[in-house]
Amino acid sequence: MKFSIQAVYGWYRDLIRNPKYRWWVILGTALYFISPFDIAPDFLPIVGQIDDAFILTLLVSEVSQLVI
């Protein structure tokens, strides 16, 4: 199995567009964003902020597409 960012993005997009799981995914993403336990912790100088910026951008872009 090959890991790629595009595969994760496609999975996230499909999951957030499913009305059954939409609010759980939005809530989980928001909790991940404010949580101190990340894939790349915030105390790492650049990588921690890039991780959070990516998650926040993904959440905002998908939710804005749902609203429009």
PDB file of N, CA and C in Angstrom:
ATOM      1  N   MET A   1       0.844  -1.167   0.000  1.00  0.00           N
ATOM      2  CA  MET A   1       0.000   0.000   0.000  1.00  0.00           C
ATOM      3  C   MET A   1       0.890   1.231   0.000  1.00  0.00           C
ATOM      4  N   LYS A   2       0.559   2.171  -0.855  1.00  0.00           N
ATOM      5  CA  LYS A   2       1.363   3.367  -1.016  1.00  0.00           C
ATOM      6  C   LYS A   2       0.702   4.537  -0.289  1.00  0.00           C
ATOM      7  N   PHE A   3       1.473   5.262   0.485  1.00  0.00           N
ATOM      8  CA  PHE A   3       0.971   6.421   1.216  1.00  0.00           C
ATOM      9  C   PHE A   3       1.234   7.669   0.398  1.00  0.00           C
ATOM     10  N   SER A   4       0.216   8.483   0.233  1.00  0.00           N
ATOM     11  CA  SER A   4       0.409   9.758  -0.442  1.00  0.00           C
ATOM     12  C   SER A   4      -0.527  10.794   0.166  1.00  0.00           C
ATOM     13  N   ILE A   5      -0.134  12.033   0.049  1.00  0.00           N
ATOM     14  CA  ILE A   5      -0.950  13.133   0.547  1.00  0.00           C
ATOM     15  C   ILE A   5      -2.259  13.209  -0.244  1.00  0.00           C
ATOM     16  N   GLN A   6      -2.202  12.923  -1.523  1.00  0.00           N
ATOM     17  CA  GLN A   6      -3.412  12.963  -2.350  1.00  0.00           C
ATOM     18  C   GLN A   6      -4.422  11.908  -1.901  1.00  0.00           C
ATOM     19  N   ALA A   7      -3.930  10.748  -1.498  1.00  0.00           N
ATOM     20  CA  ALA A   7      -4.835   9.702  -1.014  1.00  0.00           C
ATOM     21  C   ALA A   7      -5.501  10.126   0.289  1.00  0.00           C
ATOM     22  N   VAL A   8      -4.751  10.734   1.182  1.00  0.00           N
ATOM     23  CA  VAL A   8      -5.308  11.201   2.453  1.00  0.00           C
ATOM     24  C   VAL A   8      -6.317  12.319   2.204  1.00  0.00           C
ATOM     25  N   TYR A   9      -5.980  13.234   1.290  1.00  0.00           N
ATOM     26  CA  TYR A   9      -6.879  14.332   0.966  1.00  0.00           C
ATOM     27  C   TYR A   9      -8.179  13.804   0.343  1.00  0.00           C
ATOM     28  N   GLY A  10      -8.082  12.852  -0.545  1.00  0.00           N
ATOM     29  CA  GLY A  10      -9.274  12.260  -1.151  1.00  0.00           C
ATOM     30  C   GLY A  10     -10.145  11.559  -0.127  1.00  0.00           C
ATOM     31  N   TRP A  11      -9.517  10.835   0.781  1.00  0.00           N
ATOM     32  CA  TRP A  11     -10.258  10.164   1.848  1.00  0.00           C
ATOM     33  C   TRP A  11     -10.965  11.186   2.731  1.00  0.00           C
ATOM     34  N   TYR A  12     -10.255  12.250   3.104  1.00  0.00           N
ATOM     35  CA  TYR A  12     -10.827  13.293   3.964  1.00  0.00           C
ATOM     36  C   TYR A  12     -11.987  13.977   3.250  1.00  0.00           C
ATOM     37  N   ARG A  13     -11.815  14.301   1.973  1.00  0.00           N
ATOM     38  CA  ARG A  13     -12.856  14.972   1.203  1.00  0.00           C
ATOM     39  C   ARG A  13     -14.112  14.103   1.110  1.00  0.00           C
ATOM     40  N   ASP A  14     -13.935  12.825   0.823  1.00  0.00           N
ATOM     41  CA  ASP A  14     -15.079  11.921   0.729  1.00  0.00           C
ATOM     42  C   ASP A  14     -15.784  11.772   2.069  1.00  0.00           C
ATOM     43  N   LEU A  15     -15.011  11.730   3.130  1.00  0.00           N
ATOM     44  CA  LEU A  15     -15.583  11.558   4.461  1.00  0.00           C
ATOM     45  C   LEU A  15     -16.353  12.796   4.899  1.00  0.00           C
ATOM     46  N   ILE A  16     -15.823  13.975   4.632  1.00  0.00           N
ATOM     47  CA  ILE A  16     -16.480  15.207   5.080  1.00  0.00           C
ATOM     48  C   ILE A  16     -17.725  15.505   4.244  1.00  0.00           C
ATOM     49  N   ARG A  17     -17.784  14.982   3.047  1.00  0.00           N
ATOM     50  CA  ARG A  17     -18.976  15.201   2.212  1.00  0.00           C
ATOM     51  C   ARG A  17     -20.088  14.196   2.502  1.00  0.00           C
ATOM     52  N   ASN A  18     -19.797  13.208   3.299  1.00  0.00           N
ATOM     53  CA  ASN A  18     -20.820  12.244   3.708  1.00  0.00           C
ATOM     54  C   ASN A  18     -21.616  12.878   4.849  1.00  0.00           C
ATOM     55  N   PRO A  19     -22.918  13.126   4.647  1.00  0.00           N
ATOM     56  CA  PRO A  19     -23.693  13.821   5.682  1.00  0.00           C
ATOM     57  C   PRO A  19     -23.756  13.084   7.014  1.00  0.00           C
ATOM     58  N   LYS A  20     -23.563  11.778   6.981  1.00  0.00           N
ATOM     59  CA  LYS A  20     -23.619  10.993   8.215  1.00  0.00           C
ATOM     60  C   LYS A  20     -22.436  11.307   9.139  1.00  0.00           C
ATOM     61  N   TYR A  21     -21.267  11.573   8.551  1.00  0.00           N
ATOM     62  CA  TYR A  21     -20.055  11.772   9.352  1.00  0.00           C
ATOM     63  C   TYR A  21     -19.541  13.202   9.348  1.00  0.00           C
ATOM     64  N   ARG A  22     -20.189  14.091   8.619  1.00  0.00           N
ATOM     65  CA  ARG A  22     -19.665  15.441   8.405  1.00  0.00           C
ATOM     66  C   ARG A  22     -19.303  16.161   9.695  1.00  0.00           C
ATOM     67  N   TRP A  23     -20.236  16.259  10.622  1.00  0.00           N
ATOM     68  CA  TRP A  23     -19.976  17.039  11.838  1.00  0.00           C
ATOM     69  C   TRP A  23     -18.966  16.354  12.756  1.00  0.00           C
ATOM     70  N   TRP A  24     -18.902  15.032  12.701  1.00  0.00           N
ATOM     71  CA  TRP A  24     -17.877  14.330  13.486  1.00  0.00           C
ATOM     72  C   TRP A  24     -16.487  14.628  12.941  1.00  0.00           C
ATOM     73  N   VAL A  25     -16.362  14.695  11.630  1.00  0.00           N
ATOM     74  CA  VAL A  25     -15.064  14.985  11.007  1.00  0.00           C
ATOM     75  C   VAL A  25     -14.652  16.424  11.283  1.00  0.00           C
ATOM     76  N   ILE A  26     -15.591  17.348  11.185  1.00  0.00           N
ATOM     77  CA  ILE A  26     -15.285  18.753  11.464  1.00  0.00           C
ATOM     78  C   ILE A  26     -14.880  18.925  12.923  1.00  0.00           C
ATOM     79  N   LEU A  27     -15.615  18.311  13.828  1.00  0.00           N
ATOM     80  CA  LEU A  27     -15.286  18.391  15.253  1.00  0.00           C
ATOM     81  C   LEU A  27     -13.931  17.740  15.544  1.00  0.00           C
ATOM     82  N   GLY A  28     -13.695  16.571  14.956  1.00  0.00           N
ATOM     83  CA  GLY A  28     -12.419  15.887  15.160  1.00  0.00           C
ATOM     84  C   GLY A  28     -11.240  16.674  14.620  1.00  0.00           C
ATOM     85  N   THR A  29     -11.418  17.310  13.476  1.00  0.00           N
ATOM     86  CA  THR A  29     -10.345  18.116  12.906  1.00  0.00           C
ATOM     87  C   THR A  29     -10.070  19.340  13.766  1.00  0.00           C
ATOM     88  N   ALA A  30     -11.118  19.974  14.251  1.00  0.00           N
ATOM     89  CA  ALA A  30     -10.937  21.138  15.127  1.00  0.00           C
ATOM     90  C   ALA A  30     -10.250  20.729  16.435  1.00  0.00           C
ATOM     91  N   LEU A  31     -10.633  19.596  16.990  1.00  0.00           N
ATOM     92  CA  LEU A  31      -9.974  19.120  18.216  1.00  0.00           C
ATOM     93  C   LEU A  31      -8.515  18.767  17.968  1.00  0.00           C
ATOM     94  N   TYR A  32      -8.231  18.168  16.822  1.00  0.00           N
ATOM     95  CA  TYR A  32      -6.839  17.866  16.470  1.00  0.00           C
ATOM     96  C   TYR A  32      -6.033  19.150  16.349  1.00  0.00           C
ATOM     97  N   PHE A  33      -6.640  20.184  15.783  1.00  0.00           N
ATOM     98  CA  PHE A  33      -5.940  21.455  15.604  1.00  0.00           C
ATOM     99  C   PHE A  33      -5.563  22.085  16.942  1.00  0.00           C
ATOM    100  N   ILE A  34      -6.455  22.028  17.932  1.00  0.00           N
ATOM    101  CA  ILE A  34      -6.156  22.661  19.217  1.00  0.00           C
ATOM    102  C   ILE A  34      -5.457  21.722  20.201  1.00  0.00           C
ATOM    103  N   SER A  35      -5.377  20.458  19.859  1.00  0.00           N
ATOM    104  CA  SER A  35      -4.756  19.475  20.743  1.00  0.00           C
ATOM    105  C   SER A  35      -3.233  19.618  20.753  1.00  0.00           C
ATOM    106  N   PRO A  36      -2.614  19.422  21.908  1.00  0.00           N
ATOM    107  CA  PRO A  36      -1.150  19.456  21.948  1.00  0.00           C
ATOM    108  C   PRO A  36      -0.517  18.171  21.401  1.00  0.00           C
ATOM    109  N   PHE A  37      -1.321  17.141  21.170  1.00  0.00           N
ATOM    110  CA  PHE A  37      -0.815  15.877  20.639  1.00  0.00           C
ATOM    111  C   PHE A  37      -1.058  15.839  19.137  1.00  0.00           C
ATOM    112  N   ASP A  38      -0.016  16.068  18.370  1.00  0.00           N
ATOM    113  CA  ASP A  38      -0.100  16.127  16.917  1.00  0.00           C
ATOM    114  C   ASP A  38       0.806  15.079  16.301  1.00  0.00           C
ATOM    115  N   ILE A  39       0.698  14.955  14.980  1.00  0.00           N
ATOM    116  CA  ILE A  39       1.650  14.130  14.243  1.00  0.00           C
ATOM    117  C   ILE A  39       3.041  14.750  14.367  1.00  0.00           C
ATOM    118  N   ALA A  40       3.090  16.062  14.197  1.00  0.00           N
ATOM    119  CA  ALA A  40       4.327  16.817  14.387  1.00  0.00           C
ATOM    120  C   ALA A  40       4.055  17.838  15.495  1.00  0.00           C
ATOM    121  N   PRO A  41       4.567  17.609  16.705  1.00  0.00           N
ATOM    122  CA  PRO A  41       4.270  18.496  17.828  1.00  0.00           C
ATOM    123  C   PRO A  41       4.695  19.945  17.558  1.00  0.00           C
ATOM    124  N   ASP A  42       3.979  20.864  18.195  1.00  0.00           N
ATOM    125  CA  ASP A  42       4.218  22.287  17.957  1.00  0.00           C
ATOM    126  C   ASP A  42       5.560  22.779  18.493  1.00  0.00           C
ATOM    127  N   PHE A  43       6.191  22.038  19.371  1.00  0.00           N
ATOM    128  CA  PHE A  43       7.479  22.506  19.870  1.00  0.00           C
ATOM    129  C   PHE A  43       8.601  22.320  18.854  1.00  0.00           C
ATOM    130  N   LEU A  44       8.350  21.563  17.782  1.00  0.00           N
ATOM    131  CA  LEU A  44       9.309  21.494  16.684  1.00  0.00           C
ATOM    132  C   LEU A  44       9.183  22.787  15.891  1.00  0.00           C
ATOM    133  N   PRO A  45      10.262  23.505  15.656  1.00  0.00           N
ATOM    134  CA  PRO A  45      10.189  24.882  15.163  1.00  0.00           C
ATOM    135  C   PRO A  45       9.339  25.114  13.921  1.00  0.00           C
ATOM    136  N   ILE A  46       9.543  24.433  12.850  1.00  0.00           N
ATOM    137  CA  ILE A  46       8.823  24.743  11.621  1.00  0.00           C
ATOM    138  C   ILE A  46       7.797  23.666  11.299  1.00  0.00           C
ATOM    139  N   VAL A  47       8.153  22.433  11.499  1.00  0.00           N
ATOM    140  CA  VAL A  47       7.300  21.313  11.116  1.00  0.00           C
ATOM    141  C   VAL A  47       5.982  21.313  11.889  1.00  0.00           C
ATOM    142  N   GLY A  48       5.998  21.668  13.145  1.00  0.00           N
ATOM    143  CA  GLY A  48       4.781  21.695  13.954  1.00  0.00           C
ATOM    144  C   GLY A  48       3.776  22.716  13.461  1.00  0.00           C
ATOM    145  N   GLN A  49       4.258  23.868  13.040  1.00  0.00           N
ATOM    146  CA  GLN A  49       3.356  24.891  12.526  1.00  0.00           C
ATOM    147  C   GLN A  49       2.841  24.536  11.133  1.00  0.00           C
ATOM    148  N   ILE A  50       3.664  23.893  10.309  1.00  0.00           N
ATOM    149  CA  ILE A  50       3.224  23.479   8.974  1.00  0.00           C
ATOM    150  C   ILE A  50       2.118  22.436   9.092  1.00  0.00           C
ATOM    151  N   ASP A  51       2.263  21.526  10.016  1.00  0.00           N
ATOM    152  CA  ASP A  51       1.242  20.500  10.256  1.00  0.00           C
ATOM    153  C   ASP A  51      -0.097  21.145  10.601  1.00  0.00           C
ATOM    154  N   ASP A  52      -0.099  22.079  11.541  1.00  0.00           N
ATOM    155  CA  ASP A  52      -1.339  22.739  11.936  1.00  0.00           C
ATOM    156  C   ASP A  52      -1.891  23.612  10.814  1.00  0.00           C
ATOM    157  N   ALA A  53      -1.038  24.284  10.083  1.00  0.00           N
ATOM    158  CA  ALA A  53      -1.498  25.119   8.972  1.00  0.00           C
ATOM    159  C   ALA A  53      -2.155  24.266   7.892  1.00  0.00           C
ATOM    160  N   PHE A  54      -1.582  23.094   7.611  1.00  0.00           N
ATOM    161  CA  PHE A  54      -2.159  22.198   6.617  1.00  0.00           C
ATOM    162  C   PHE A  54      -3.538  21.715   7.052  1.00  0.00           C
ATOM    163  N   ILE A  55      -3.668  21.308   8.294  1.00  0.00           N
ATOM    164  CA  ILE A  55      -4.951  20.808   8.808  1.00  0.00           C
ATOM    165  C   ILE A  55      -5.996  21.921   8.800  1.00  0.00           C
ATOM    166  N   LEU A  56      -5.610  23.123   9.240  1.00  0.00           N
ATOM    167  CA  LEU A  56      -6.552  24.237   9.264  1.00  0.00           C
ATOM    168  C   LEU A  56      -6.976  24.640   7.857  1.00  0.00           C
ATOM    169  N   THR A  57      -6.038  24.676   6.919  1.00  0.00           N
ATOM    170  CA  THR A  57      -6.361  25.010   5.534  1.00  0.00           C
ATOM    171  C   THR A  57      -7.303  23.975   4.934  1.00  0.00           C
ATOM    172  N   LEU A  58      -7.035  22.730   5.197  1.00  0.00           N
ATOM    173  CA  LEU A  58      -7.890  21.651   4.696  1.00  0.00           C
ATOM    174  C   LEU A  58      -9.301  21.784   5.253  1.00  0.00           C
ATOM    175  N   LEU A  59      -9.419  22.028   6.538  1.00  0.00           N
ATOM    176  CA  LEU A  59     -10.733  22.168   7.169  1.00  0.00           C
ATOM    177  C   LEU A  59     -11.490  23.363   6.610  1.00  0.00           C
ATOM    178  N   VAL A  60     -10.843  24.510   6.527  1.00  0.00           N
ATOM    179  CA  VAL A  60     -11.513  25.730   6.049  1.00  0.00           C
ATOM    180  C   VAL A  60     -11.929  25.591   4.588  1.00  0.00           C
ATOM    181  N   SER A  61     -11.063  25.031   3.767  1.00  0.00           N
ATOM    182  CA  SER A  61     -11.410  24.910   2.349  1.00  0.00           C
ATOM    183  C   SER A  61     -12.570  23.949   2.129  1.00  0.00           C
ATOM    184  N   GLU A  62     -12.594  22.843   2.825  1.00  0.00           N
ATOM    185  CA  GLU A  62     -13.682  21.879   2.649  1.00  0.00           C
ATOM    186  C   GLU A  62     -15.000  22.391   3.224  1.00  0.00           C
ATOM    187  N   VAL A  63     -14.957  23.033   4.381  1.00  0.00           N
ATOM    188  CA  VAL A  63     -16.187  23.556   4.972  1.00  0.00           C
ATOM    189  C   VAL A  63     -16.729  24.717   4.125  1.00  0.00           C
ATOM    190  N   SER A  64     -15.846  25.553   3.586  1.00  0.00           N
ATOM    191  CA  SER A  64     -16.316  26.648   2.740  1.00  0.00           C
ATOM    192  C   SER A  64     -16.940  26.121   1.451  1.00  0.00           C
ATOM    193  N   GLN A  65     -16.452  25.021   0.914  1.00  0.00           N
ATOM    194  CA  GLN A  65     -17.064  24.433  -0.279  1.00  0.00           C
ATOM    195  C   GLN A  65     -18.432  23.835   0.044  1.00  0.00           C
ATOM    196  N   LEU A  66     -18.606  23.358   1.253  1.00  0.00           N
ATOM    197  CA  LEU A  66     -19.902  22.812   1.645  1.00  0.00           C
ATOM    198  C   LEU A  66     -20.939  23.914   1.833  1.00  0.00           C
ATOM    199  N   VAL A  67     -20.488  25.060   2.311  1.00  0.00           N
ATOM    200  CA  VAL A  67     -21.399  26.179   2.604  1.00  0.00           C
ATOM    201  C   VAL A  67     -21.847  26.856   1.316  1.00  0.00           C
ATOM    202  N   ILE A  68     -20.950  26.976   0.373  1.00  0.00           N
ATOM    203  CA  ILE A  68     -21.264  27.695  -0.878  1.00  0.00           C
ATOM    204  C   ILE A  68     -22.189  26.918  -1.743  1.00  0.00           C
TER     205      ILE A  68
END
